[in-house]
C-alpha atoms as a PDB file:
ATOM      1  CA  MET A   1     118.816  88.133  99.924  1.00  0.00           C
ATOM      2  CA  HIS A   2     120.775  85.967  96.938  1.00  0.00           C
ATOM      3  CA  ARG A   3     118.301  85.282  94.076  1.00  0.00           C
ATOM      4  CA  GLY A   4     119.404  81.442  94.446  1.00  0.00           C
ATOM      5  CA  ASN A   5     119.187  81.774  98.189  1.00  0.00           C
ATOM      6  CA  LEU A   6     115.001  82.244  97.437  1.00  0.00           C
ATOM      7  CA  ASP A   7     114.602  79.986  95.251  1.00  0.00           C
ATOM      8  CA  ASP A   8     116.485  77.530  96.683  1.00  0.00           C
ATOM      9  CA  LEU A   9     113.452  78.737  99.819  1.00  0.00           C
ATOM     10  CA  LEU A  10     110.948  78.248  97.042  1.00  0.00           C
ATOM     11  CA  ALA A  11     111.690  74.524  96.292  1.00  0.00           C
ATOM     12  CA  PHE A  12     111.613  73.589 100.360  1.00  0.00           C
ATOM     13  CA  VAL A  13     108.451  75.137 100.438  1.00  0.00           C
ATOM     14  CA  ALA A  14     106.624  73.851  97.129  1.00  0.00           C
ATOM     15  CA  VAL A  15     108.703  70.156  98.771  1.00  0.00           C
ATOM     16  CA  GLY A  16     106.878  70.741 102.099  1.00  0.00           C
ATOM     17  CA  ARG A  17     103.770  71.558 100.856  1.00  0.00           C
ATOM     18  CA  GLU A  18     103.224  68.839  98.393  1.00  0.00           C
ATOM     19  CA  ARG A  19     104.876  66.012 100.556  1.00  0.00           C
ATOM     20  CA  SER A  20     106.627  64.965  97.136  1.00  0.00           C
ATOM     21  CA  PHE A  21     109.529  65.370  95.496  1.00  0.00           C
ATOM     22  CA  THR A  22     107.667  63.847  92.688  1.00  0.00           C
ATOM     23  CA  LYS A  23     104.446  66.519  92.863  1.00  0.00           C
ATOM     24  CA  ALA A  24     106.809  68.988  93.597  1.00  0.00           C
ATOM     25  CA  ALA A  25     108.753  68.796  90.834  1.00  0.00           C
ATOM     26  CA  ALA A  26     106.245  68.878  88.103  1.00  0.00           C
ATOM     27  CA  LYS A  27     104.599  72.181  89.697  1.00  0.00           C
ATOM     28  CA  LEU A  28     107.670  73.487  88.952  1.00  0.00           C
ATOM     29  CA  GLY A  29     108.669  72.939  86.265  1.00  0.00           C
ATOM     30  CA  VAL A  30     111.960  70.827  86.851  1.00  0.00           C
ATOM     31  CA  SER A  31     113.250  67.435  87.250  1.00  0.00           C
ATOM     32  CA  GLN A  32     113.033  65.650  90.801  1.00  0.00           C
ATOM     33  CA  SER A  33     116.872  65.114  90.688  1.00  0.00           C
ATOM     34  CA  ALA A  34     117.338  68.798  89.963  1.00  0.00           C
ATOM     35  CA  LEU A  35     114.701  69.521  92.846  1.00  0.00           C
ATOM     36  CA  SER A  36     117.009  66.594  95.644  1.00  0.00           C
ATOM     37  CA  HIS A  37     119.635  68.478  94.457  1.00  0.00           C
ATOM     38  CA  THR A  38     118.603  71.981  95.219  1.00  0.00           C
ATOM     39  CA  ILE A  39     117.185  70.687  99.038  1.00  0.00           C
ATOM     40  CA  ARG A  40     120.468  68.487  99.746  1.00  0.00           C
ATOM     41  CA  GLU A  41     122.328  72.329  98.902  1.00  0.00           C
ATOM     42  CA  LEU A  42     119.717  74.646 100.916  1.00  0.00           C
ATOM     43  CA  GLU A  43     120.225  72.120 104.094  1.00  0.00           C
ATOM     44  CA  ALA A  44     124.111  71.938 103.556  1.00  0.00           C
ATOM     45  CA  ARG A  45     124.360  75.741 103.223  1.00  0.00           C
ATOM     46  CA  LEU A  46     121.444  76.031 106.755  1.00  0.00           C
ATOM     47  CA  GLY A  47     123.850  72.668 108.412  1.00  0.00           C
ATOM     48  CA  VAL A  48     120.578  71.612 109.248  1.00  0.00           C
ATOM     49  CA  ARG A  49     118.743  68.537 107.762  1.00  0.00           C
ATOM     50  CA  LEU A  50     114.960  69.684 106.582  1.00  0.00           C
ATOM     51  CA  LEU A  51     113.205  66.989 105.202  1.00  0.00           C
ATOM     52  CA  THR A  52     112.971  63.506 106.465  1.00  0.00           C
ATOM     53  CA  ARG A  53     112.607  60.884 102.996  1.00  0.00           C
ATOM     54  CA  THR A  54     111.240  57.256 103.122  1.00  0.00           C
ATOM     55  CA  THR A  55     111.193  55.664  99.907  1.00  0.00           C
ATOM     56  CA  ARG A  56     107.375  55.637 100.017  1.00  0.00           C
ATOM     57  CA  SER A  57     107.258  59.991 101.892  1.00  0.00           C
ATOM     58  CA  VAL A  58     108.789  63.219 102.095  1.00  0.00           C
ATOM     59  CA  SER A  59     108.349  65.202 105.672  1.00  0.00           C
ATOM     60  CA  PRO A  60     109.649  68.121 106.981  1.00  0.00           C
ATOM     61  CA  THR A  61     111.967  67.482 110.327  1.00  0.00           C
ATOM     62  CA  GLU A  62     111.871  69.400 113.112  1.00  0.00           C
ATOM     63  CA  ALA A  63     113.455  72.338 111.676  1.00  0.00           C
ATOM     64  CA  GLY A  64     112.028  72.494 107.930  1.00  0.00           C
ATOM     65  CA  GLU A  65     108.925  72.523 109.806  1.00  0.00           C
ATOM     66  CA  ARG A  66     110.019  75.484 111.439  1.00  0.00           C
ATOM     67  CA  LEU A  67     110.785  77.127 108.364  1.00  0.00           C
ATOM     68  CA  LEU A  68     108.005  75.713 106.468  1.00  0.00           C
ATOM     69  CA  ARG A  69     105.648  77.654 108.987  1.00  0.00           C
ATOM     70  CA  ASN A  70     106.889  81.059 109.191  1.00  0.00           C
ATOM     71  CA  VAL A  71     108.254  81.748 105.705  1.00  0.00           C
ATOM     72  CA  ALA A  72     105.807  79.840 103.337  1.00  0.00           C
ATOM     73  CA  PRO A  73     102.976  82.766 104.533  1.00  0.00           C
ATOM     74  CA  ARG A  74     105.652  85.479 103.305  1.00  0.00           C
ATOM     75  CA  PHE A  75     105.378  83.861  99.998  1.00  0.00           C
ATOM     76  CA  GLU A  76     102.179  83.294 100.688  1.00  0.00           C
ATOM     77  CA  GLU A  77     101.438  86.972 100.579  1.00  0.00           C
ATOM     78  CA  ILE A  78     103.402  88.002  98.106  1.00  0.00           C
ATOM     79  CA  GLU A  79     101.933  86.055  95.664  1.00  0.00           C
ATOM     80  CA  ALA A  80      98.399  87.463  96.592  1.00  0.00           C
ATOM     81  CA  GLU A  81     100.259  91.203  96.301  1.00  0.00           C
ATOM     82  CA  LEU A  82     101.340  89.951  93.093  1.00  0.00           C
ATOM     83  CA  ALA A  83      98.075  88.173  92.026  1.00  0.00           C
ATOM     84  CA  THR A  84      95.953  92.095  93.399  1.00  0.00           C
ATOM     85  CA  LEU A  85      98.465  93.493  90.634  1.00  0.00           C
ATOM     86  CA  ARG A  86      97.269  91.419  88.243  1.00  0.00           C
ATOM     87  CA  GLU A  87      94.080  92.199  88.842  1.00  0.00           C
ATOM     88  CA  LEU A  88      94.641  96.184  88.425  1.00  0.00           C
ATOM     89  CA  ARG A  89      96.022  96.169  85.862  1.00  0.00           C
ATOM     90  CA  GLU A  90      92.740  93.855  84.366  1.00  0.00           C
ATOM     91  CA  LYS A  91      90.569  96.357  86.201  1.00  0.00           C
ATOM     92  CA  PRO A  92      92.473  99.666  86.051  1.00  0.00           C
ATOM     93  CA  ALA A  93      92.257 101.360  89.143  1.00  0.00           C
ATOM     94  CA  GLY A  94      93.208 104.982  90.578  1.00  0.00           C
ATOM     95  CA  THR A  95      92.901 108.767  90.540  1.00  0.00           C
ATOM     96  CA  VAL A  96      94.065 110.602  86.765  1.00  0.00           C
ATOM     97  CA  ARG A  97      94.646 114.882  87.503  1.00  0.00           C
ATOM     98  CA  LEU A  98      94.447 116.871  83.905  1.00  0.00           C
ATOM     99  CA  THR A  99      94.726 119.819  83.556  1.00  0.00           C
ATOM    100  CA  ALA A 100      92.646 122.550  80.945  1.00  0.00           C
ATOM    101  CA  GLY A 101      90.911 125.068  79.847  1.00  0.00           C
ATOM    102  CA  ASP A 102      87.675 125.375  79.919  1.00  0.00           C
ATOM    103  CA  HIS A 103      86.593 125.057  76.387  1.00  0.00           C
ATOM    104  CA  ALA A 104      88.812 122.271  75.956  1.00  0.00           C
ATOM    105  CA  ILE A 105      87.107 120.155  79.064  1.00  0.00           C
ATOM    106  CA  ARG A 106      83.475 121.442  77.453  1.00  0.00           C
ATOM    107  CA  SER A 107      84.276 120.587  73.645  1.00  0.00           C
ATOM    108  CA  VAL A 108      86.736 117.731  74.049  1.00  0.00           C
ATOM    109  CA  LEU A 109      87.396 115.594  77.569  1.00  0.00           C
ATOM    110  CA  TRP A 110      83.792 115.949  79.231  1.00  0.00           C
ATOM    111  CA  PRO A 111      81.675 114.315  75.880  1.00  0.00           C
ATOM    112  CA  LYS A 112      84.410 111.339  76.177  1.00  0.00           C
ATOM    113  CA  LEU A 113      84.810 111.245  79.831  1.00  0.00           C
ATOM    114  CA  ALA A 114      80.667 110.860  79.967  1.00  0.00           C
ATOM    115  CA  LYS A 115      81.727 107.251  77.957  1.00  0.00           C
ATOM    116  CA  PHE A 116      85.177 106.008  78.956  1.00  0.00           C
ATOM    117  CA  LEU A 117      83.517 106.818  82.946  1.00  0.00           C
ATOM    118  CA  PRO A 118      81.344 104.124  83.712  1.00  0.00           C
ATOM    119  CA  LYS A 119      83.103 101.300  81.675  1.00  0.00           C
ATOM    120  CA  TYR A 120      85.973 102.001  84.591  1.00  0.00           C
ATOM    121  CA  PRO A 121      83.915 102.315  88.381  1.00  0.00           C
ATOM    122  CA  ASP A 122      87.842 102.443  89.397  1.00  0.00           C
ATOM    123  CA  ILE A 123      89.417 105.069  88.163  1.00  0.00           C
ATOM    124  CA  LYS A 124      88.636 108.445  89.489  1.00  0.00           C
ATOM    125  CA  ILE A 125      89.202 111.430  86.620  1.00  0.00           C
ATOM    126  CA  GLU A 126      90.424 115.330  88.573  1.00  0.00           C
ATOM    127  CA  LEU A 127      89.947 117.834  85.850  1.00  0.00           C
ATOM    128  CA  ALA A 128      91.381 121.844  86.769  1.00  0.00           C
ATOM    129  CA  ILE A 129      90.350 124.114  84.842  1.00  0.00           C
ATOM    130  CA  ASP A 130      94.103 126.310  84.452  1.00  0.00           C
ATOM    131  CA  TYR A 131      94.455 129.144  81.191  1.00  0.00           C
ATOM    132  CA  GLY A 132      97.889 129.056  81.811  1.00  0.00           C
ATOM    133  CA  LEU A 133     100.573 126.233  80.167  1.00  0.00           C
ATOM    134  CA  THR A 134     101.389 124.446  83.688  1.00  0.00           C
ATOM    135  CA  ASP A 135     104.199 122.850  84.611  1.00  0.00           C
ATOM    136  CA  ILE A 136     102.221 119.434  85.191  1.00  0.00           C
ATOM    137  CA  VAL A 137     105.498 118.056  86.600  1.00  0.00           C
ATOM    138  CA  ALA A 138     106.115 120.640  88.814  1.00  0.00           C
ATOM    139  CA  GLN A 139     102.004 120.726  90.053  1.00  0.00           C
ATOM    140  CA  ARG A 140     102.113 116.928  90.027  1.00  0.00           C
ATOM    141  CA  TYR A 141      99.353 116.600  87.089  1.00  0.00           C
ATOM    142  CA  ASP A 142      99.723 112.630  85.100  1.00  0.00           C
ATOM    143  CA  ALA A 143      98.568 115.650  81.737  1.00  0.00           C
ATOM    144  CA  GLY A 144      98.183 118.401  80.423  1.00  0.00           C
ATOM    145  CA  VAL A 145      96.291 119.779  78.071  1.00  0.00           C
ATOM    146  CA  ARG A 146      97.574 122.168  74.765  1.00  0.00           C
ATOM    147  CA  TRP A 147      96.730 123.540  71.388  1.00  0.00           C
ATOM    148  CA  GLY A 148      99.431 120.864  68.743  1.00  0.00           C
ATOM    149  CA  GLU A 149     101.249 124.673  68.986  1.00  0.00           C
ATOM    150  CA  GLN A 150     101.926 125.306  72.285  1.00  0.00           C
ATOM    151  CA  VAL A 151     103.250 121.709  73.833  1.00  0.00           C
ATOM    152  CA  GLY A 152     107.199 121.805  74.090  1.00  0.00           C
ATOM    153  CA  LYS A 153     109.062 119.481  72.310  1.00  0.00           C
ATOM    154  CA  ASP A 154     110.397 117.278  75.813  1.00  0.00           C
ATOM    155  CA  MET A 155     106.434 116.049  76.477  1.00  0.00           C
ATOM    156  CA  ILE A 156     104.175 113.156  74.298  1.00  0.00           C
ATOM    157  CA  ALA A 157     101.563 114.858  72.533  1.00  0.00           C
ATOM    158  CA  VAL A 158      98.288 113.228  71.771  1.00  0.00           C
ATOM    159  CA  ARG A 159      95.678 114.646  69.495  1.00  0.00           C
ATOM    160  CA  ILE A 160      92.411 114.118  71.389  1.00  0.00           C
ATOM    161  CA  GLY A 161      90.055 116.689  69.165  1.00  0.00           C
ATOM    162  CA  PRO A 162      90.530 117.943  65.566  1.00  0.00           C
ATOM    163  CA  ASP A 163      91.814 121.475  64.377  1.00  0.00           C
ATOM    164  CA  ILE A 164      89.699 124.457  65.834  1.00  0.00           C
ATOM    165  CA  ARG A 165      89.448 128.128  64.460  1.00  0.00           C
ATOM    166  CA  PHE A 166      88.566 131.023  65.980  1.00  0.00           C
ATOM    167  CA  ALA A 167      85.484 132.556  64.322  1.00  0.00           C
ATOM    168  CA  VAL A 168      85.696 136.736  65.490  1.00  0.00           C
ATOM    169  CA  VAL A 169      81.549 137.824  66.496  1.00  0.00           C
ATOM    170  CA  GLY A 170      78.709 140.264  67.808  1.00  0.00           C
ATOM    171  CA  SER A 171      75.828 141.113  68.194  1.00  0.00           C
ATOM    172  CA  LYS A 172      72.799 142.205  65.575  1.00  0.00           C
ATOM    173  CA  SER A 173      72.578 144.967  68.075  1.00  0.00           C
ATOM    174  CA  TYR A 174      76.273 146.119  68.444  1.00  0.00           C
ATOM    175  CA  PHE A 175      76.576 146.391  64.806  1.00  0.00           C
ATOM    176  CA  ALA A 176      73.089 148.129  64.088  1.00  0.00           C
ATOM    177  CA  LYS A 177      75.154 151.319  64.816  1.00  0.00           C
ATOM    178  CA  ARG A 178      78.292 150.015  63.998  1.00  0.00           C
ATOM    179  CA  SER A 179      80.825 149.504  60.653  1.00  0.00           C
ATOM    180  CA  LEU A 180      81.795 146.228  59.639  1.00  0.00           C
ATOM    181  CA  PRO A 181      85.344 145.781  59.774  1.00  0.00           C
ATOM    182  CA  LYS A 182      86.518 145.141  57.067  1.00  0.00           C
ATOM    183  CA  ILE A 183      90.567 143.562  58.069  1.00  0.00           C
ATOM    184  CA  PRO A 184      91.724 143.676  61.103  1.00  0.00           C
ATOM    185  CA  GLN A 185      92.900 146.827  62.399  1.00  0.00           C
ATOM    186  CA  ASP A 186      89.141 147.877  61.784  1.00  0.00           C
ATOM    187  CA  LEU A 187      88.607 146.547  65.527  1.00  0.00           C
ATOM    188  CA  ILE A 188      90.832 149.085  67.292  1.00  0.00           C
ATOM    189  CA  SER A 189      88.093 151.730  66.893  1.00  0.00           C
ATOM    190  CA  HIS A 190      85.478 149.001  68.059  1.00  0.00           C
ATOM    191  CA  ALA A 191      83.964 147.429  71.397  1.00  0.00           C
ATOM    192  CA  CYS A 192      85.985 144.799  71.867  1.00  0.00           C
ATOM    193  CA  ILE A 193      85.622 142.167  74.668  1.00  0.00           C
ATOM    194  CA  ASN A 194      89.072 140.754  76.279  1.00  0.00           C
ATOM    195  CA  LEU A 195      90.306 137.431  77.332  1.00  0.00           C
ATOM    196  CA  ARG A 196      93.022 137.373  79.892  1.00  0.00           C
ATOM    197  CA  LEU A 197      95.881 135.218  79.499  1.00  0.00           C
ATOM    198  CA  PRO A 198      98.515 134.364  82.247  1.00  0.00           C
ATOM    199  CA  THR A 199     100.837 132.808  79.326  1.00  0.00           C
ATOM    200  CA  TYR A 200     100.591 135.498  77.265  1.00  0.00           C
ATOM    201  CA  GLY A 201     101.837 138.714  79.716  1.00  0.00           C
ATOM    202  CA  GLY A 202      98.093 140.450  79.930  1.00  0.00           C
ATOM    203  CA  LEU A 203      95.470 140.266  77.706  1.00  0.00           C
ATOM    204  CA  TYR A 204      95.441 138.344  74.612  1.00  0.00           C
ATOM    205  CA  ALA A 205      96.245 139.646  71.816  1.00  0.00           C
ATOM    206  CA  TRP A 206      93.673 138.417  68.685  1.00  0.00           C
ATOM    207  CA  GLU A 207      95.873 136.243  66.227  1.00  0.00           C
ATOM    208  CA  PHE A 208      94.451 136.289  61.783  1.00  0.00           C
ATOM    209  CA  GLU A 209      96.071 135.078  59.289  1.00  0.00           C
ATOM    210  CA  LYS A 210      95.637 135.557  55.411  1.00  0.00           C
ATOM    211  CA  GLY A 211      97.510 134.735  52.486  1.00  0.00           C
ATOM    212  CA  GLY A 212     100.206 133.553  54.178  1.00  0.00           C
ATOM    213  CA  ARG A 213     100.112 136.934  56.732  1.00  0.00           C
ATOM    214  CA  GLU A 214     100.300 136.179  60.141  1.00  0.00           C
ATOM    215  CA  LEU A 215      98.670 139.708  62.484  1.00  0.00           C
ATOM    216  CA  LYS A 216      97.893 140.003  65.987  1.00  0.00           C
ATOM    217  CA  VAL A 217      96.230 142.475  67.414  1.00  0.00           C
ATOM    218  CA  ARG A 218      95.493 144.474  70.812  1.00  0.00           C
ATOM    219  CA  VAL A 219      91.773 145.664  71.232  1.00  0.00           C
ATOM    220  CA  GLU A 220      90.610 147.848  73.996  1.00  0.00           C
ATOM    221  CA  GLY A 221      87.326 147.745  75.249  1.00  0.00           C
ATOM    222  CA  GLN A 222      84.538 148.145  78.886  1.00  0.00           C
ATOM    223  CA  LEU A 223      84.986 144.028  79.603  1.00  0.00           C
ATOM    224  CA  VAL A 224      87.377 141.703  81.000  1.00  0.00           C
ATOM    225  CA  PHE A 225      87.386 137.694  81.711  1.00  0.00           C
ATOM    226  CA  ASN A 226      89.275 134.635  82.216  1.00  0.00           C
ATOM    227  CA  SER A 227      86.796 132.564  80.647  1.00  0.00           C
ATOM    228  CA  ILE A 228      86.020 132.400  77.259  1.00  0.00           C
ATOM    229  CA  PHE A 229      82.490 131.045  77.491  1.00  0.00           C
ATOM    230  CA  GLN A 230      81.959 134.617  79.835  1.00  0.00           C
ATOM    231  CA  VAL A 231      83.476 136.588  76.759  1.00  0.00           C
ATOM    232  CA  LEU A 232      80.721 134.610  74.230  1.00  0.00           C
ATOM    233  CA  ASP A 233      78.048 135.447  77.022  1.00  0.00           C
ATOM    234  CA  ALA A 234      79.315 139.411  77.178  1.00  0.00           C
ATOM    235  CA  ALA A 235      79.189 139.551  73.296  1.00  0.00           C
ATOM    236  CA  LEU A 236      75.810 137.636  73.587  1.00  0.00           C
ATOM    237  CA  ALA A 237      74.550 140.377  75.131  1.00  0.00           C
ATOM    238  CA  GLY A 238      75.688 143.148  72.791  1.00  0.00           C
ATOM    239  CA  PHE A 239      77.992 144.428  74.448  1.00  0.00           C
ATOM    240  CA  GLY A 240      81.579 144.195  71.479  1.00  0.00           C
ATOM    241  CA  ILE A 241      83.238 141.740  69.367  1.00  0.00           C
ATOM    242  CA  ALA A 242      84.300 138.755  70.912  1.00  0.00           C
ATOM    243  CA  PHE A 243      87.274 136.412  69.873  1.00  0.00           C
ATOM    244  CA  VAL A 244      86.091 133.185  70.533  1.00  0.00           C
ATOM    245  CA  PRO A 245      86.768 128.795  68.649  1.00  0.00           C
ATOM    246  CA  GLU A 246      83.872 128.714  66.250  1.00  0.00           C
ATOM    247  CA  ASP A 247      81.941 125.767  67.732  1.00  0.00           C
ATOM    248  CA  LEU A 248      81.097 127.802  70.583  1.00  0.00           C
ATOM    249  CA  ALA A 249      79.416 130.803  68.263  1.00  0.00           C
ATOM    250  CA  GLN A 250      78.187 128.252  65.853  1.00  0.00           C
ATOM    251  CA  ILE A 251      74.945 127.941  66.806  1.00  0.00           C
ATOM    252  CA  HIS A 252      73.882 131.171  67.865  1.00  0.00           C
ATOM    253  CA  LEU A 253      75.437 132.145  63.980  1.00  0.00           C
ATOM    254  CA  ALA A 254      72.727 129.943  63.096  1.00  0.00           C
ATOM    255  CA  LYS A 255      70.125 131.229  64.678  1.00  0.00           C
ATOM    256  CA  GLY A 256      71.016 134.728  64.007  1.00  0.00           C
ATOM    257  CA  ARG A 257      72.287 135.953  67.806  1.00  0.00           C
ATOM    258  CA  LEU A 258      75.494 136.469  65.845  1.00  0.00           C
ATOM    259  CA  LYS A 259      76.976 137.378  62.744  1.00  0.00           C
ATOM    260  CA  ARG A 260      80.454 137.028  61.827  1.00  0.00           C
ATOM    261  CA  VAL A 261      82.925 139.466  60.138  1.00  0.00           C
ATOM    262  CA  LEU A 262      87.233 138.878  59.345  1.00  0.00           C
ATOM    263  CA  GLU A 263      85.992 135.219  58.704  1.00  0.00           C
ATOM    264  CA  GLU A 264      89.028 134.975  55.828  1.00  0.00           C
ATOM    265  CA  TRP A 265      91.473 135.740  58.136  1.00  0.00           C
ATOM    266  CA  CYS A 266      90.464 133.089  60.227  1.00  0.00           C
ATOM    267  CA  LEU A 267      92.562 129.961  59.303  1.00  0.00           C
ATOM    268  CA  PRO A 268      92.298 127.106  61.425  1.00  0.00           C
ATOM    269  CA  TRP A 269      95.061 126.221  63.797  1.00  0.00           C
ATOM    270  CA  SER A 270      96.287 123.125  65.382  1.00  0.00           C
ATOM    271  CA  GLY A 271      93.848 120.965  67.684  1.00  0.00           C
ATOM    272  CA  TYR A 272      94.048 119.970  71.010  1.00  0.00           C
ATOM    273  CA  HIS A 273      96.822 117.725  72.527  1.00  0.00           C
ATOM    274  CA  LEU A 274      97.110 115.552  75.439  1.00  0.00           C
ATOM    275  CA  TYR A 275     100.609 115.954  76.500  1.00  0.00           C
ATOM    276  CA  TYR A 276     102.698 114.933  79.680  1.00  0.00           C
ATOM    277  CA  PRO A 277     106.321 113.539  80.196  1.00  0.00           C
ATOM    278  CA  SER A 278     108.062 111.200  78.024  1.00  0.00           C
ATOM    279  CA  ARG A 279     109.768 109.082  80.151  1.00  0.00           C
ATOM    280  CA  ARG A 280     106.626 109.093  82.114  1.00  0.00           C
ATOM    281  CA  GLN A 281     105.798 105.305  83.794  1.00  0.00           C
ATOM    282  CA  SER A 282     102.498 105.340  82.512  1.00  0.00           C
ATOM    283  CA  SER A 283      99.868 103.076  84.671  1.00  0.00           C
ATOM    284  CA  PRO A 284      96.836 101.037  83.368  1.00  0.00           C
ATOM    285  CA  ALA A 285      94.352 103.713  84.253  1.00  0.00           C
ATOM    286  CA  PHE A 286      96.568 106.576  82.082  1.00  0.00           C
ATOM    287  CA  THR A 287      97.300 104.155  79.412  1.00  0.00           C
ATOM    288  CA  LEU A 288      93.246 102.943  78.793  1.00  0.00           C
ATOM    289  CA  LEU A 289      92.660 107.576  79.037  1.00  0.00           C
ATOM    290  CA  VAL A 290      94.672 108.029  76.571  1.00  0.00           C
ATOM    291  CA  ASP A 291      93.411 105.845  74.131  1.00  0.00           C
ATOM    292  CA  ALA A 292      89.651 106.845  74.827  1.00  0.00           C
ATOM    293  CA  LEU A 293      91.403 110.619  74.335  1.00  0.00           C
ATOM    294  CA  ARG A 294      92.977 109.895  71.578  1.00  0.00           C
ATOM    295  CA  HIS A 295      91.353 111.909  67.903  1.00  0.00           C
ATOM    296  CA  ARG A 296      89.849 109.516  65.847  1.00  0.00           C
ATOM    297  CA  GLY A 297      88.690 111.769  63.313  1.00  0.00           C
END
């Protein structure tokens, strides 16, 4: 339908409801003469009189009453739907699907979500633990979490955590019978606890840097996990050396359960970032979540 016809019908409904050109014109924000002209043009196009006008009153004709009875409720439905959309904007709702590694969820996402969710009871969050560099568009996730350097250039990246540093650690019982590694290459002769990452084509090669020199070491050991928390547990149990985020090891280092080595080779990396497609039409719920997760340190 032509937009002009819709505007004319809205004008007619206003006059029919108010039974007055003066009141309808004020409600629509137009002049009384312009409104009268609009109704005359509508009647001319339809070929039927819609309103009976006298000097004292305006009332619908039989045809006008029929049109008002059938058209007005539809406009009311549209107005109600628009009001609902405005309410959603003011009271955001919906489900936001995120994919991230378990360390990112525990260390960064969950502390912020625990404060965010009570404020917005109609927003639901679905978290999927995944160590792979998931194609969030193909898998229909709203966003994913990666370290900064892993985010594709075609994505919007929002920092949600501070820079992250890894630590090479082992239990006192493990090191009691072995010499401490002095350089990363020494790890080859140690029992190390491996982490399997799909995106790295197998076992993760431990990454080091010192004095501008980058080094990757592929280690060996009896245990391989696909979760960093199990890697840490195995190190605490004395099964070998682990390469874990510093924040996970900190409490155990402080209490003497773990000993740290090769610290000078473990430089900070870009922290966790939330990423999502640049052309994404963000919902109010998603926009609020991004702002809540944003790192402000």
